[in-house]
């Protein structure tokens, strides 16, 4: 097998590690449907204040993603009061902070 994880890690200057492999079957349609249903149930149970559809949750705009993320972050940390501006700049430090 050519071009495996080891080769990609070497090209990036690192060593492949099993810690970096996501064990979830994220490409499996059944798994995706289960995750979708869990998310919908959670949003309904905790009174997400916007109407949503499957399209809204599977391909949200940046604004919609920010709204969902802020809603979920406040469930983890009720004192969360941060406005996401540019996702690619703001998201990583915020996820690290929520850890």
C-alpha atoms as a PDB file:
ATOM      1  CA  UNK A   1       0.000   0.000   0.000  1.00  0.00           C
ATOM      2  CA  UNK A   2       1.567   3.281  -1.073  1.00  0.00           C
ATOM      3  CA  UNK A   3       1.020   6.664   0.525  1.00  0.00           C
ATOM      4  CA  UNK A   4      -0.095   5.422   3.938  1.00  0.00           C
ATOM      5  CA  UNK A   5      -0.157   7.237   7.242  1.00  0.00           C
ATOM      6  CA  UNK A   6       3.537   6.643   7.858  1.00  0.00           C
ATOM      7  CA  UNK A   7       4.488   8.308   4.600  1.00  0.00           C
ATOM      8  CA  UNK A   8       2.275  11.343   5.291  1.00  0.00           C
ATOM      9  CA  UNK A   9       3.669  11.686   8.811  1.00  0.00           C
ATOM     10  CA  UNK A  10       7.235  11.443   7.493  1.00  0.00           C
ATOM     11  CA  UNK A  11       6.565  14.122   4.885  1.00  0.00           C
ATOM     12  CA  UNK A  12       5.305  16.366   7.681  1.00  0.00           C
ATOM     13  CA  UNK A  13       8.364  15.621   9.822  1.00  0.00           C
ATOM     14  CA  UNK A  14       6.566  13.496  12.375  1.00  0.00           C
ATOM     15  CA  UNK A  15       6.099   9.892  13.345  1.00  0.00           C
ATOM     16  CA  UNK A  16       2.769   8.208  12.734  1.00  0.00           C
ATOM     17  CA  UNK A  17       0.896   7.503  15.938  1.00  0.00           C
ATOM     18  CA  UNK A  18      -2.242   5.520  16.593  1.00  0.00           C
ATOM     19  CA  UNK A  19      -3.339   8.385  18.870  1.00  0.00           C
ATOM     20  CA  UNK A  20      -4.028  10.476  15.768  1.00  0.00           C
ATOM     21  CA  UNK A  21      -6.369   7.976  14.136  1.00  0.00           C
ATOM     22  CA  UNK A  22     -10.073   8.645  14.600  1.00  0.00           C
ATOM     23  CA  UNK A  23     -11.697   5.264  15.343  1.00  0.00           C
ATOM     24  CA  UNK A  24     -15.203   6.462  14.458  1.00  0.00           C
ATOM     25  CA  UNK A  25     -16.659   5.233  11.154  1.00  0.00           C
ATOM     26  CA  UNK A  26     -17.335   8.808   9.986  1.00  0.00           C
ATOM     27  CA  UNK A  27     -17.929   7.767   6.361  1.00  0.00           C
ATOM     28  CA  UNK A  28     -20.589   5.212   7.308  1.00  0.00           C
ATOM     29  CA  UNK A  29     -24.097   6.500   6.484  1.00  0.00           C
ATOM     30  CA  UNK A  30     -25.641   4.702   9.475  1.00  0.00           C
ATOM     31  CA  UNK A  31     -23.112   6.301  11.845  1.00  0.00           C
ATOM     32  CA  UNK A  32     -23.751   9.742  10.311  1.00  0.00           C
ATOM     33  CA  UNK A  33     -27.516   9.296  10.757  1.00  0.00           C
ATOM     34  CA  UNK A  34     -27.055   8.262  14.395  1.00  0.00           C
ATOM     35  CA  UNK A  35     -24.900  11.327  15.074  1.00  0.00           C
ATOM     36  CA  UNK A  36     -27.387  13.572  13.303  1.00  0.00           C
ATOM     37  CA  UNK A  37     -30.262  12.177  15.371  1.00  0.00           C
ATOM     38  CA  UNK A  38     -28.297  12.660  18.602  1.00  0.00           C
ATOM     39  CA  UNK A  39     -27.553  16.259  17.684  1.00  0.00           C
ATOM     40  CA  UNK A  40     -31.183  16.993  16.808  1.00  0.00           C
ATOM     41  CA  UNK A  41     -32.364  15.409  20.066  1.00  0.00           C
ATOM     42  CA  UNK A  42     -29.844  17.455  22.045  1.00  0.00           C
ATOM     43  CA  UNK A  43     -30.750  20.743  20.343  1.00  0.00           C
ATOM     44  CA  UNK A  44     -34.466  20.157  20.929  1.00  0.00           C
ATOM     45  CA  UNK A  45     -34.003  19.009  24.532  1.00  0.00           C
ATOM     46  CA  UNK A  46     -31.926  22.074  25.421  1.00  0.00           C
ATOM     47  CA  UNK A  47     -34.088  24.586  23.509  1.00  0.00           C
ATOM     48  CA  UNK A  48     -31.859  25.679  20.659  1.00  0.00           C
ATOM     49  CA  UNK A  49     -33.531  28.965  19.729  1.00  0.00           C
ATOM     50  CA  UNK A  50     -33.427  28.651  15.938  1.00  0.00           C
ATOM     51  CA  UNK A  51     -35.394  26.535  13.546  1.00  0.00           C
ATOM     52  CA  UNK A  52     -33.263  23.947  11.835  1.00  0.00           C
ATOM     53  CA  UNK A  53     -33.444  21.278   9.183  1.00  0.00           C
ATOM     54  CA  UNK A  54     -31.181  18.464   8.071  1.00  0.00           C
ATOM     55  CA  UNK A  55     -29.643  20.800   5.471  1.00  0.00           C
ATOM     56  CA  UNK A  56     -29.069  23.450   8.144  1.00  0.00           C
ATOM     57  CA  UNK A  57     -27.171  20.948  10.300  1.00  0.00           C
ATOM     58  CA  UNK A  58     -25.270  19.122   7.558  1.00  0.00           C
ATOM     59  CA  UNK A  59     -24.133  22.153   5.535  1.00  0.00           C
ATOM     60  CA  UNK A  60     -24.449  25.189   7.786  1.00  0.00           C
ATOM     61  CA  UNK A  61     -23.251  28.615   6.718  1.00  0.00           C
ATOM     62  CA  UNK A  62     -20.447  30.191   8.762  1.00  0.00           C
ATOM     63  CA  UNK A  63     -23.031  32.194  10.720  1.00  0.00           C
ATOM     64  CA  UNK A  64     -25.143  29.110  11.429  1.00  0.00           C
ATOM     65  CA  UNK A  65     -22.065  27.120  12.480  1.00  0.00           C
ATOM     66  CA  UNK A  66     -21.033  29.921  14.848  1.00  0.00           C
ATOM     67  CA  UNK A  67     -24.529  29.967  16.389  1.00  0.00           C
ATOM     68  CA  UNK A  68     -24.531  26.197  16.906  1.00  0.00           C
ATOM     69  CA  UNK A  69     -20.977  26.239  18.283  1.00  0.00           C
ATOM     70  CA  UNK A  70     -21.746  29.054  20.732  1.00  0.00           C
ATOM     71  CA  UNK A  71     -24.897  27.247  21.867  1.00  0.00           C
ATOM     72  CA  UNK A  72     -22.957  24.016  22.503  1.00  0.00           C
ATOM     73  CA  UNK A  73     -20.047  25.850  24.164  1.00  0.00           C
ATOM     74  CA  UNK A  74     -22.449  27.527  26.613  1.00  0.00           C
ATOM     75  CA  UNK A  75     -23.766  24.091  27.580  1.00  0.00           C
ATOM     76  CA  UNK A  76     -20.216  23.050  28.456  1.00  0.00           C
ATOM     77  CA  UNK A  77     -19.291  26.332  30.092  1.00  0.00           C
ATOM     78  CA  UNK A  78     -22.266  28.558  31.017  1.00  0.00           C
ATOM     79  CA  UNK A  79     -20.022  31.622  31.399  1.00  0.00           C
ATOM     80  CA  UNK A  80     -18.966  31.294  27.746  1.00  0.00           C
ATOM     81  CA  UNK A  81     -19.294  34.711  26.172  1.00  0.00           C
ATOM     82  CA  UNK A  82     -17.120  34.780  23.100  1.00  0.00           C
ATOM     83  CA  UNK A  83     -17.946  35.950  19.622  1.00  0.00           C
ATOM     84  CA  UNK A  84     -16.424  33.976  16.783  1.00  0.00           C
ATOM     85  CA  UNK A  85     -15.262  36.268  14.022  1.00  0.00           C
ATOM     86  CA  UNK A  86     -12.968  34.421  11.637  1.00  0.00           C
ATOM     87  CA  UNK A  87     -13.434  30.684  12.217  1.00  0.00           C
ATOM     88  CA  UNK A  88     -10.021  29.572  11.037  1.00  0.00           C
ATOM     89  CA  UNK A  89      -8.346  32.013  13.461  1.00  0.00           C
ATOM     90  CA  UNK A  90     -10.663  31.757  16.458  1.00  0.00           C
ATOM     91  CA  UNK A  91     -11.798  28.150  16.649  1.00  0.00           C
ATOM     92  CA  UNK A  92      -8.610  26.250  17.545  1.00  0.00           C
ATOM     93  CA  UNK A  93      -7.673  28.352  20.620  1.00  0.00           C
ATOM     94  CA  UNK A  94     -11.282  28.263  21.797  1.00  0.00           C
ATOM     95  CA  UNK A  95     -11.524  24.484  21.509  1.00  0.00           C
ATOM     96  CA  UNK A  96      -8.260  24.193  23.452  1.00  0.00           C
ATOM     97  CA  UNK A  97      -9.660  26.500  26.137  1.00  0.00           C
ATOM     98  CA  UNK A  98     -12.844  24.427  26.448  1.00  0.00           C
ATOM     99  CA  UNK A  99     -10.822  21.265  27.025  1.00  0.00           C
END
